[in-house]
Amino acid sequence: MSEFSPFPRLPPELRNKIWGHVANQEPRALDLWTDFKRCEIANTIFYTQAYECELSHRPPPPIFRVNSESRKEALKHYTLEFATGMTLPKGISVTVSARIYINYSVDILLPRGYWNLVAFSNLASRAGGRLKHLAVDVNGSLWKDNLRDYCKKRCWVFYELQELILYDSSGVDMFKRSDFLEKFRERYRGGPKDLSFTDWVEDPTAQMVGVKNIFEKMFDRIEGKVEEEVEKPKGEGRVLTEADIHPSYLKDCEPTHADDLQRPVVRLARLEVTEPTVVPI
């Protein structure tokens, strides 16, 4: 049945319940890249950080375009993200508007490209307490430049996460030599795509196994299932300092307490890139 004629005559409470179900029915995988926008104001040139969905860029989900009732209910589940801005010493300010609708309960976030310390910290502060599904490239910047160090310090910032998906993009041709969004745009001309994940059924790569073990070990340490490891000195007679063990940018990051941990399911998966089922508008 493509049409349910009695729907408008249903009680409003029931209609809203149905709209809410629709809003959470089809999770999307969103590739999130960090970028820098060139701005020029009053003869002053500067760059401000921005976020882009490059492959999975698409219009708002269809529920936003049915009628005002469906849109009102959709806004209870979707958030318009990721606005950024900065203010210069002369009082000049610039804002990059939020343009990405995300349902933190069901959508999968795939951070791609290069993530510096500021970008990662910003993402953690925005999404850490809301995001339920995160996909991490075991050869990507989010892992190598950020999460790996956080794991060493037993500091888990995505404390509401339910599912942690680990994938290896080294075999995905479109992502080769594309550590930065600018390089990706130079090489890729295939247009928008649908992104999804399927369970990894082959022997996993050594990197996937290694990263999964690090995450599981960190969660075990937080829960007190394994004893803390004692760091060995680097060189005879030398005492390790905090800076030797953890990067300086983590000095204010406290280890996660067991009571604050909602341990996510960690699964290995393959990233699937297919033609969009709905042609973007």
C-alpha atoms as a PDB file:
ATOM      1  CA  MET A   1       0.000   0.000   0.000  1.00  0.00           C
ATOM      2  CA  SER A   2       1.594   3.309  -1.105  1.00  0.00           C
ATOM      3  CA  GLU A   3      -1.076   5.542   0.431  1.00  0.00           C
ATOM      4  CA  PHE A   4      -3.015   5.355   3.691  1.00  0.00           C
ATOM      5  CA  SER A   5      -6.059   7.555   3.135  1.00  0.00           C
ATOM      6  CA  PRO A   6      -7.437   7.507   6.723  1.00  0.00           C
ATOM      7  CA  PHE A   7      -4.108   8.842   8.114  1.00  0.00           C
ATOM      8  CA  PRO A   8      -5.248  12.510   8.384  1.00  0.00           C
ATOM      9  CA  ARG A   9      -8.255  11.386  10.444  1.00  0.00           C
ATOM     10  CA  LEU A  10      -6.149   9.623  13.057  1.00  0.00           C
ATOM     11  CA  PRO A  11      -5.781  11.328  16.454  1.00  0.00           C
ATOM     12  CA  PRO A  12      -2.880  13.847  16.471  1.00  0.00           C
ATOM     13  CA  GLU A  13      -1.080  11.897  19.198  1.00  0.00           C
ATOM     14  CA  LEU A  14      -1.077   8.759  17.042  1.00  0.00           C
ATOM     15  CA  ARG A  15       0.015  10.654  13.923  1.00  0.00           C
ATOM     16  CA  ASN A  16       2.950  12.176  15.837  1.00  0.00           C
ATOM     17  CA  LYS A  17       3.912   8.748  17.105  1.00  0.00           C
ATOM     18  CA  ILE A  18       3.982   7.454  13.519  1.00  0.00           C
ATOM     19  CA  TRP A  19       6.018  10.447  12.354  1.00  0.00           C
ATOM     20  CA  GLY A  20       8.466   9.801  15.181  1.00  0.00           C
ATOM     21  CA  HIS A  21       8.819   6.197  14.053  1.00  0.00           C
ATOM     22  CA  VAL A  22       9.480   7.356  10.489  1.00  0.00           C
ATOM     23  CA  ALA A  23      12.147   9.797  11.702  1.00  0.00           C
ATOM     24  CA  ASN A  24      14.090   6.944  13.291  1.00  0.00           C
ATOM     25  CA  GLN A  25      13.419   4.252  10.694  1.00  0.00           C
ATOM     26  CA  GLU A  26      16.208   4.744   8.138  1.00  0.00           C
ATOM     27  CA  PRO A  27      19.626   5.613   9.580  1.00  0.00           C
ATOM     28  CA  ARG A  28      22.057   7.365   7.272  1.00  0.00           C
ATOM     29  CA  ALA A  29      25.844   7.207   7.175  1.00  0.00           C
ATOM     30  CA  LEU A  30      27.255  10.738   6.983  1.00  0.00           C
ATOM     31  CA  ASP A  31      30.867  11.424   6.036  1.00  0.00           C
ATOM     32  CA  LEU A  32      32.023  14.460   8.002  1.00  0.00           C
ATOM     33  CA  TRP A  33      35.133  16.333   6.852  1.00  0.00           C
ATOM     34  CA  THR A  34      36.907  19.301   8.415  1.00  0.00           C
ATOM     35  CA  ASP A  35      37.685  22.207   6.150  1.00  0.00           C
ATOM     36  CA  PHE A  36      38.830  25.822   6.330  1.00  0.00           C
ATOM     37  CA  LYS A  37      36.810  28.567   4.662  1.00  0.00           C
ATOM     38  CA  ARG A  38      38.630  31.588   3.245  1.00  0.00           C
ATOM     39  CA  CYS A  39      36.952  34.796   4.366  1.00  0.00           C
ATOM     40  CA  GLU A  40      37.655  38.408   3.503  1.00  0.00           C
ATOM     41  CA  ILE A  41      36.050  41.197   5.523  1.00  0.00           C
ATOM     42  CA  ALA A  42      37.168  44.836   5.617  1.00  0.00           C
ATOM     43  CA  ASN A  43      40.345  43.993   3.688  1.00  0.00           C
ATOM     44  CA  THR A  44      41.203  41.325   6.266  1.00  0.00           C
ATOM     45  CA  ILE A  45      41.742  37.784   4.978  1.00  0.00           C
ATOM     46  CA  PHE A  46      41.422  34.878   7.390  1.00  0.00           C
ATOM     47  CA  TYR A  47      40.336  31.248   7.518  1.00  0.00           C
ATOM     48  CA  THR A  48      37.679  29.774   9.748  1.00  0.00           C
ATOM     49  CA  GLN A  49      36.998  26.124  10.402  1.00  0.00           C
ATOM     50  CA  ALA A  50      34.018  24.472   8.764  1.00  0.00           C
ATOM     51  CA  TYR A  51      32.489  21.014   8.424  1.00  0.00           C
ATOM     52  CA  GLU A  52      31.291  19.368   5.229  1.00  0.00           C
ATOM     53  CA  CYS A  53      29.399  16.246   4.194  1.00  0.00           C
ATOM     54  CA  GLU A  54      31.120  15.645   0.877  1.00  0.00           C
ATOM     55  CA  LEU A  55      29.849  12.268  -0.341  1.00  0.00           C
ATOM     56  CA  SER A  56      26.596  11.874   1.545  1.00  0.00           C
ATOM     57  CA  HIS A  57      25.551  15.498   0.997  1.00  0.00           C
ATOM     58  CA  ARG A  58      21.831  15.424   0.391  1.00  0.00           C
ATOM     59  CA  PRO A  59      18.667  17.412   1.117  1.00  0.00           C
ATOM     60  CA  PRO A  60      16.935  17.066   4.490  1.00  0.00           C
ATOM     61  CA  PRO A  61      15.218  13.701   4.995  1.00  0.00           C
ATOM     62  CA  PRO A  62      11.819  13.406   3.226  1.00  0.00           C
ATOM     63  CA  ILE A  63       9.907  13.670   6.515  1.00  0.00           C
ATOM     64  CA  PHE A  64      10.821  17.381   6.535  1.00  0.00           C
ATOM     65  CA  ARG A  65       8.970  17.948   3.257  1.00  0.00           C
ATOM     66  CA  VAL A  66       5.641  16.148   3.806  1.00  0.00           C
ATOM     67  CA  ASN A  67       3.797  18.834   5.763  1.00  0.00           C
ATOM     68  CA  SER A  68       4.215  21.153   8.736  1.00  0.00           C
ATOM     69  CA  GLU A  69       3.131  18.437  11.175  1.00  0.00           C
ATOM     70  CA  SER A  70       5.766  15.962   9.998  1.00  0.00           C
ATOM     71  CA  ARG A  71       8.454  18.670   9.978  1.00  0.00           C
ATOM     72  CA  LYS A  72       7.614  19.685  13.541  1.00  0.00           C
ATOM     73  CA  GLU A  73       7.974  16.082  14.697  1.00  0.00           C
ATOM     74  CA  ALA A  74      11.162  15.576  12.659  1.00  0.00           C
ATOM     75  CA  LEU A  75      12.799  18.521  14.433  1.00  0.00           C
ATOM     76  CA  LYS A  76      12.408  16.623  17.708  1.00  0.00           C
ATOM     77  CA  HIS A  77      14.774  13.959  16.354  1.00  0.00           C
ATOM     78  CA  TYR A  78      17.059  15.809  13.928  1.00  0.00           C
ATOM     79  CA  THR A  79      19.528  18.547  14.792  1.00  0.00           C
ATOM     80  CA  LEU A  80      20.871  21.070  12.304  1.00  0.00           C
ATOM     81  CA  GLU A  81      24.659  20.937  12.714  1.00  0.00           C
ATOM     82  CA  PHE A  82      27.659  21.959  12.501  1.00  0.00           C
ATOM     83  CA  ALA A  83      27.819  25.751  12.736  1.00  0.00           C
ATOM     84  CA  THR A  84      31.194  27.379  13.396  1.00  0.00           C
ATOM     85  CA  GLY A  85      32.427  30.902  13.869  1.00  0.00           C
ATOM     86  CA  MET A  86      35.219  33.118  15.053  1.00  0.00           C
ATOM     87  CA  THR A  87      35.822  36.706  16.170  1.00  0.00           C
ATOM     88  CA  LEU A  88      38.879  38.729  15.170  1.00  0.00           C
ATOM     89  CA  PRO A  89      40.613  41.233  17.480  1.00  0.00           C
ATOM     90  CA  LYS A  90      39.006  44.175  15.631  1.00  0.00           C
ATOM     91  CA  GLY A  91      35.566  42.881  16.565  1.00  0.00           C
ATOM     92  CA  ILE A  92      34.948  41.375  13.140  1.00  0.00           C
ATOM     93  CA  SER A  93      33.064  38.094  13.411  1.00  0.00           C
ATOM     94  CA  VAL A  94      32.102  35.452  10.907  1.00  0.00           C
ATOM     95  CA  THR A  95      29.760  32.479  11.179  1.00  0.00           C
ATOM     96  CA  VAL A  96      29.518  29.407   8.980  1.00  0.00           C
ATOM     97  CA  SER A  97      25.884  28.328   9.161  1.00  0.00           C
ATOM     98  CA  ALA A  98      24.802  24.844  10.143  1.00  0.00           C
ATOM     99  CA  ARG A  99      23.780  22.870   7.040  1.00  0.00           C
ATOM    100  CA  ILE A 100      23.787  19.200   8.042  1.00  0.00           C
ATOM    101  CA  TYR A 101      20.747  17.497   9.551  1.00  0.00           C
ATOM    102  CA  ILE A 102      21.724  14.612  11.803  1.00  0.00           C
ATOM    103  CA  ASN A 103      19.700  12.267  13.970  1.00  0.00           C
ATOM    104  CA  TYR A 104      22.173  11.471  16.735  1.00  0.00           C
ATOM    105  CA  SER A 105      20.149   8.435  17.818  1.00  0.00           C
ATOM    106  CA  VAL A 106      20.293   6.481  14.560  1.00  0.00           C
ATOM    107  CA  ASP A 107      22.647   8.126  12.027  1.00  0.00           C
ATOM    108  CA  ILE A 108      26.226   6.871  11.694  1.00  0.00           C
ATOM    109  CA  LEU A 109      28.920   9.536  11.704  1.00  0.00           C
ATOM    110  CA  LEU A 110      32.050   8.869   9.607  1.00  0.00           C
ATOM    111  CA  PRO A 111      34.728  11.474  10.306  1.00  0.00           C
ATOM    112  CA  ARG A 112      36.941  11.601   7.196  1.00  0.00           C
ATOM    113  CA  GLY A 113      40.082  13.487   6.249  1.00  0.00           C
ATOM    114  CA  TYR A 114      42.407  15.286   8.633  1.00  0.00           C
ATOM    115  CA  TRP A 115      41.281  16.033  12.190  1.00  0.00           C
ATOM    116  CA  ASN A 116      43.495  18.368  14.177  1.00  0.00           C
ATOM    117  CA  LEU A 117      43.266  18.685  17.946  1.00  0.00           C
ATOM    118  CA  VAL A 118      40.864  21.631  17.823  1.00  0.00           C
ATOM    119  CA  ALA A 119      38.508  19.953  15.343  1.00  0.00           C
ATOM    120  CA  PHE A 120      38.393  16.725  17.345  1.00  0.00           C
ATOM    121  CA  SER A 121      37.802  18.554  20.631  1.00  0.00           C
ATOM    122  CA  ASN A 122      35.010  20.519  18.990  1.00  0.00           C
ATOM    123  CA  LEU A 123      33.402  17.352  17.646  1.00  0.00           C
ATOM    124  CA  ALA A 124      33.619  15.655  21.051  1.00  0.00           C
ATOM    125  CA  SER A 125      32.016  18.628  22.811  1.00  0.00           C
ATOM    126  CA  ARG A 126      29.168  18.756  20.269  1.00  0.00           C
ATOM    127  CA  ALA A 127      28.443  15.062  19.811  1.00  0.00           C
ATOM    128  CA  GLY A 128      30.030  13.284  22.769  1.00  0.00           C
ATOM    129  CA  GLY A 129      26.874  13.148  24.852  1.00  0.00           C
ATOM    130  CA  ARG A 130      24.449  12.503  21.982  1.00  0.00           C
ATOM    131  CA  LEU A 131      26.070  10.395  19.269  1.00  0.00           C
ATOM    132  CA  LYS A 132      25.064   6.702  19.324  1.00  0.00           C
ATOM    133  CA  HIS A 133      26.889   5.342  16.239  1.00  0.00           C
ATOM    134  CA  LEU A 134      30.451   6.228  15.228  1.00  0.00           C
ATOM    135  CA  ALA A 135      32.513   4.741  12.384  1.00  0.00           C
ATOM    136  CA  VAL A 136      36.298   5.011  12.706  1.00  0.00           C
ATOM    137  CA  ASP A 137      38.748   4.383   9.880  1.00  0.00           C
ATOM    138  CA  VAL A 138      41.576   2.389  11.478  1.00  0.00           C
ATOM    139  CA  ASN A 139      44.026   4.072   9.088  1.00  0.00           C
ATOM    140  CA  GLY A 140      42.487   7.532   9.355  1.00  0.00           C
ATOM    141  CA  SER A 141      43.403  10.730  11.150  1.00  0.00           C
ATOM    142  CA  LEU A 142      40.609  10.503  13.737  1.00  0.00           C
ATOM    143  CA  TRP A 143      42.232   7.349  15.072  1.00  0.00           C
ATOM    144  CA  LYS A 144      45.924   8.029  14.542  1.00  0.00           C
ATOM    145  CA  ASP A 145      45.953  11.699  15.564  1.00  0.00           C
ATOM    146  CA  ASN A 146      43.322  11.674  18.297  1.00  0.00           C
ATOM    147  CA  LEU A 147      41.526   8.579  19.574  1.00  0.00           C
ATOM    148  CA  ARG A 148      44.692   6.500  19.943  1.00  0.00           C
ATOM    149  CA  ASP A 149      46.091   8.955  22.509  1.00  0.00           C
ATOM    150  CA  TYR A 150      42.763   9.183  24.316  1.00  0.00           C
ATOM    151  CA  CYS A 151      42.699   5.405  24.617  1.00  0.00           C
ATOM    152  CA  LYS A 152      46.150   5.420  26.214  1.00  0.00           C
ATOM    153  CA  LYS A 153      44.910   7.784  28.891  1.00  0.00           C
ATOM    154  CA  ARG A 154      41.708   5.809  29.365  1.00  0.00           C
ATOM    155  CA  CYS A 155      39.652   8.850  28.421  1.00  0.00           C
ATOM    156  CA  TRP A 156      36.478   8.025  26.479  1.00  0.00           C
ATOM    157  CA  VAL A 157      34.751  11.187  25.207  1.00  0.00           C
ATOM    158  CA  PHE A 158      31.834   9.588  23.308  1.00  0.00           C
ATOM    159  CA  TYR A 159      30.197   8.398  26.501  1.00  0.00           C
ATOM    160  CA  GLU A 160      26.694   7.850  25.045  1.00  0.00           C
ATOM    161  CA  LEU A 161      27.921   5.748  22.114  1.00  0.00           C
ATOM    162  CA  GLN A 162      26.137   2.428  21.564  1.00  0.00           C
ATOM    163  CA  GLU A 163      28.004   1.179  18.482  1.00  0.00           C
ATOM    164  CA  LEU A 164      31.625   1.691  17.461  1.00  0.00           C
ATOM    165  CA  ILE A 165      32.233   0.576  13.875  1.00  0.00           C
ATOM    166  CA  LEU A 166      35.822  -0.046  12.787  1.00  0.00           C
ATOM    167  CA  TYR A 167      36.584  -0.133   9.080  1.00  0.00           C
ATOM    168  CA  ASP A 168      39.677   0.014   6.879  1.00  0.00           C
ATOM    169  CA  SER A 169      39.487   2.428   3.948  1.00  0.00           C
ATOM    170  CA  SER A 170      42.946   1.563   2.608  1.00  0.00           C
ATOM    171  CA  GLY A 171      41.312  -0.627  -0.043  1.00  0.00           C
ATOM    172  CA  VAL A 172      38.732   1.990  -1.082  1.00  0.00           C
ATOM    173  CA  ASP A 173      40.183   3.620  -4.182  1.00  0.00           C
ATOM    174  CA  MET A 174      38.398   6.971  -3.865  1.00  0.00           C
ATOM    175  CA  PHE A 175      40.043   7.623  -0.490  1.00  0.00           C
ATOM    176  CA  LYS A 176      43.633   6.927  -1.548  1.00  0.00           C
ATOM    177  CA  ARG A 177      45.943   9.931  -1.075  1.00  0.00           C
ATOM    178  CA  SER A 178      42.988  11.939   0.207  1.00  0.00           C
ATOM    179  CA  ASP A 179      43.984  12.798   3.765  1.00  0.00           C
ATOM    180  CA  PHE A 180      42.670  16.327   3.286  1.00  0.00           C
ATOM    181  CA  LEU A 181      39.342  17.437   1.836  1.00  0.00           C
ATOM    182  CA  GLU A 182      41.057  19.617  -0.766  1.00  0.00           C
ATOM    183  CA  LYS A 183      42.995  16.614  -2.107  1.00  0.00           C
ATOM    184  CA  PHE A 184      39.848  14.480  -2.110  1.00  0.00           C
ATOM    185  CA  ARG A 185      38.034  17.085  -4.198  1.00  0.00           C
ATOM    186  CA  GLU A 186      40.900  17.200  -6.685  1.00  0.00           C
ATOM    187  CA  ARG A 187      40.775  13.450  -7.282  1.00  0.00           C
ATOM    188  CA  TYR A 188      37.100  12.544  -6.913  1.00  0.00           C
ATOM    189  CA  ARG A 189      34.469  13.379  -9.512  1.00  0.00           C
ATOM    190  CA  GLY A 190      31.852  10.717  -8.852  1.00  0.00           C
ATOM    191  CA  GLY A 191      29.158  12.855  -7.226  1.00  0.00           C
ATOM    192  CA  PRO A 192      27.069  12.030  -4.143  1.00  0.00           C
ATOM    193  CA  LYS A 193      26.955   8.449  -2.897  1.00  0.00           C
ATOM    194  CA  ASP A 194      25.091   6.356  -0.377  1.00  0.00           C
ATOM    195  CA  LEU A 195      27.355   5.050   2.386  1.00  0.00           C
ATOM    196  CA  SER A 196      26.583   1.986   4.464  1.00  0.00           C
ATOM    197  CA  PHE A 197      28.305  -0.795   6.382  1.00  0.00           C
ATOM    198  CA  THR A 198      28.157  -4.572   6.154  1.00  0.00           C
ATOM    199  CA  ASP A 199      29.652  -7.004   8.639  1.00  0.00           C
ATOM    200  CA  TRP A 200      33.241  -7.983   7.901  1.00  0.00           C
ATOM    201  CA  VAL A 201      33.188 -11.692   6.989  1.00  0.00           C
ATOM    202  CA  GLU A 202      36.780 -12.192   5.812  1.00  0.00           C
ATOM    203  CA  ASP A 203      39.938 -12.337   7.886  1.00  0.00           C
ATOM    204  CA  PRO A 204      40.332  -8.808   9.275  1.00  0.00           C
ATOM    205  CA  THR A 205      43.427  -6.776   8.538  1.00  0.00           C
ATOM    206  CA  ALA A 206      46.117  -6.623  11.209  1.00  0.00           C
ATOM    207  CA  GLN A 207      45.340  -2.922  11.713  1.00  0.00           C
ATOM    208  CA  MET A 208      41.646  -3.632  12.328  1.00  0.00           C
ATOM    209  CA  VAL A 209      42.471  -6.314  14.899  1.00  0.00           C
ATOM    210  CA  GLY A 210      45.032  -4.102  16.601  1.00  0.00           C
ATOM    211  CA  VAL A 211      42.727  -1.096  16.898  1.00  0.00           C
ATOM    212  CA  LYS A 212      39.823  -3.239  18.126  1.00  0.00           C
ATOM    213  CA  ASN A 213      42.059  -4.749  20.811  1.00  0.00           C
ATOM    214  CA  ILE A 214      43.144  -1.293  21.974  1.00  0.00           C
ATOM    215  CA  PHE A 215      39.540  -0.139  22.335  1.00  0.00           C
ATOM    216  CA  GLU A 216      38.425  -3.313  24.116  1.00  0.00           C
ATOM    217  CA  LYS A 217      41.410  -3.131  26.446  1.00  0.00           C
ATOM    218  CA  MET A 218      40.623   0.503  27.278  1.00  0.00           C
ATOM    219  CA  PHE A 219      37.032  -0.368  28.115  1.00  0.00           C
ATOM    220  CA  ASP A 220      38.234  -3.291  30.247  1.00  0.00           C
ATOM    221  CA  ARG A 221      40.595  -0.957  32.119  1.00  0.00           C
ATOM    222  CA  ILE A 222      37.804   1.559  32.750  1.00  0.00           C
ATOM    223  CA  GLU A 223      35.548  -1.197  34.067  1.00  0.00           C
ATOM    224  CA  GLY A 224      38.359  -2.538  36.267  1.00  0.00           C
ATOM    225  CA  LYS A 225      38.490  -5.919  34.528  1.00  0.00           C
ATOM    226  CA  VAL A 226      42.254  -5.686  33.989  1.00  0.00           C
ATOM    227  CA  GLU A 227      44.972  -4.090  36.071  1.00  0.00           C
ATOM    228  CA  GLU A 228      46.574  -0.855  35.017  1.00  0.00           C
ATOM    229  CA  GLU A 229      49.864  -1.369  33.245  1.00  0.00           C
ATOM    230  CA  VAL A 230      52.970   0.194  34.738  1.00  0.00           C
ATOM    231  CA  GLU A 231      54.908   2.155  32.140  1.00  0.00           C
ATOM    232  CA  LYS A 232      58.520   1.026  31.782  1.00  0.00           C
ATOM    233  CA  PRO A 233      61.268   3.671  31.858  1.00  0.00           C
ATOM    234  CA  LYS A 234      62.793   4.735  28.559  1.00  0.00           C
ATOM    235  CA  GLY A 235      66.459   4.198  29.218  1.00  0.00           C
ATOM    236  CA  GLU A 236      68.300   2.945  32.231  1.00  0.00           C
ATOM    237  CA  GLY A 237      67.733   4.922  35.413  1.00  0.00           C
ATOM    238  CA  ARG A 238      65.296   7.359  33.801  1.00  0.00           C
ATOM    239  CA  VAL A 239      61.963   8.114  35.434  1.00  0.00           C
ATOM    240  CA  LEU A 240      59.032   8.623  33.093  1.00  0.00           C
ATOM    241  CA  THR A 241      57.181  11.926  33.285  1.00  0.00           C
ATOM    242  CA  GLU A 242      53.526  12.547  32.437  1.00  0.00           C
ATOM    243  CA  ALA A 243      54.648  14.096  29.141  1.00  0.00           C
ATOM    244  CA  ASP A 244      56.420  10.849  28.221  1.00  0.00           C
ATOM    245  CA  ILE A 245      53.265   8.831  28.707  1.00  0.00           C
ATOM    246  CA  HIS A 246      50.553  11.205  27.464  1.00  0.00           C
ATOM    247  CA  PRO A 247      50.667  14.181  25.067  1.00  0.00           C
ATOM    248  CA  SER A 248      50.517  17.594  26.735  1.00  0.00           C
ATOM    249  CA  TYR A 249      47.139  18.408  25.179  1.00  0.00           C
ATOM    250  CA  LEU A 250      45.595  15.644  27.320  1.00  0.00           C
ATOM    251  CA  LYS A 251      46.854  17.024  30.638  1.00  0.00           C
ATOM    252  CA  ASP A 252      43.360  18.256  31.588  1.00  0.00           C
ATOM    253  CA  CYS A 253      41.582  15.131  30.346  1.00  0.00           C
ATOM    254  CA  GLU A 254      40.584  12.953  33.281  1.00  0.00           C
ATOM    255  CA  PRO A 255      40.378   9.161  32.869  1.00  0.00           C
ATOM    256  CA  THR A 256      36.811   7.952  32.457  1.00  0.00           C
ATOM    257  CA  HIS A 257      35.197   6.495  35.572  1.00  0.00           C
ATOM    258  CA  ALA A 258      33.443   3.128  35.365  1.00  0.00           C
ATOM    259  CA  ASP A 259      30.125   4.664  36.441  1.00  0.00           C
ATOM    260  CA  ASP A 260      30.278   7.063  33.468  1.00  0.00           C
ATOM    261  CA  LEU A 261      30.958   4.410  30.840  1.00  0.00           C
ATOM    262  CA  GLN A 262      28.273   3.050  28.561  1.00  0.00           C
ATOM    263  CA  ARG A 263      30.351   0.431  26.811  1.00  0.00           C
ATOM    264  CA  PRO A 264      29.603   0.387  23.083  1.00  0.00           C
ATOM    265  CA  VAL A 265      29.507  -2.691  20.910  1.00  0.00           C
ATOM    266  CA  VAL A 266      32.673  -2.768  18.800  1.00  0.00           C
ATOM    267  CA  ARG A 267      32.263  -4.364  15.397  1.00  0.00           C
ATOM    268  CA  LEU A 268      34.389  -4.741  12.297  1.00  0.00           C
ATOM    269  CA  ALA A 269      32.703  -3.742   9.060  1.00  0.00           C
ATOM    270  CA  ARG A 270      33.220  -3.030   5.399  1.00  0.00           C
ATOM    271  CA  LEU A 271      32.367   0.401   4.021  1.00  0.00           C
ATOM    272  CA  GLU A 272      29.990   0.125   1.057  1.00  0.00           C
ATOM    273  CA  VAL A 273      29.810   3.010  -1.422  1.00  0.00           C
ATOM    274  CA  THR A 274      26.865   2.863  -3.820  1.00  0.00           C
ATOM    275  CA  GLU A 275      24.849   5.124  -6.080  1.00  0.00           C
ATOM    276  CA  PRO A 276      22.245   7.154  -4.207  1.00  0.00           C
ATOM    277  CA  THR A 277      18.792   5.623  -4.025  1.00  0.00           C
ATOM    278  CA  VAL A 278      17.283   9.107  -4.157  1.00  0.00           C
ATOM    279  CA  VAL A 279      18.725  11.619  -6.588  1.00  0.00           C
ATOM    280  CA  PRO A 280      19.892  14.646  -4.539  1.00  0.00           C
ATOM    281  CA  ILE A 281      18.012  17.871  -5.162  1.00  0.00           C
END
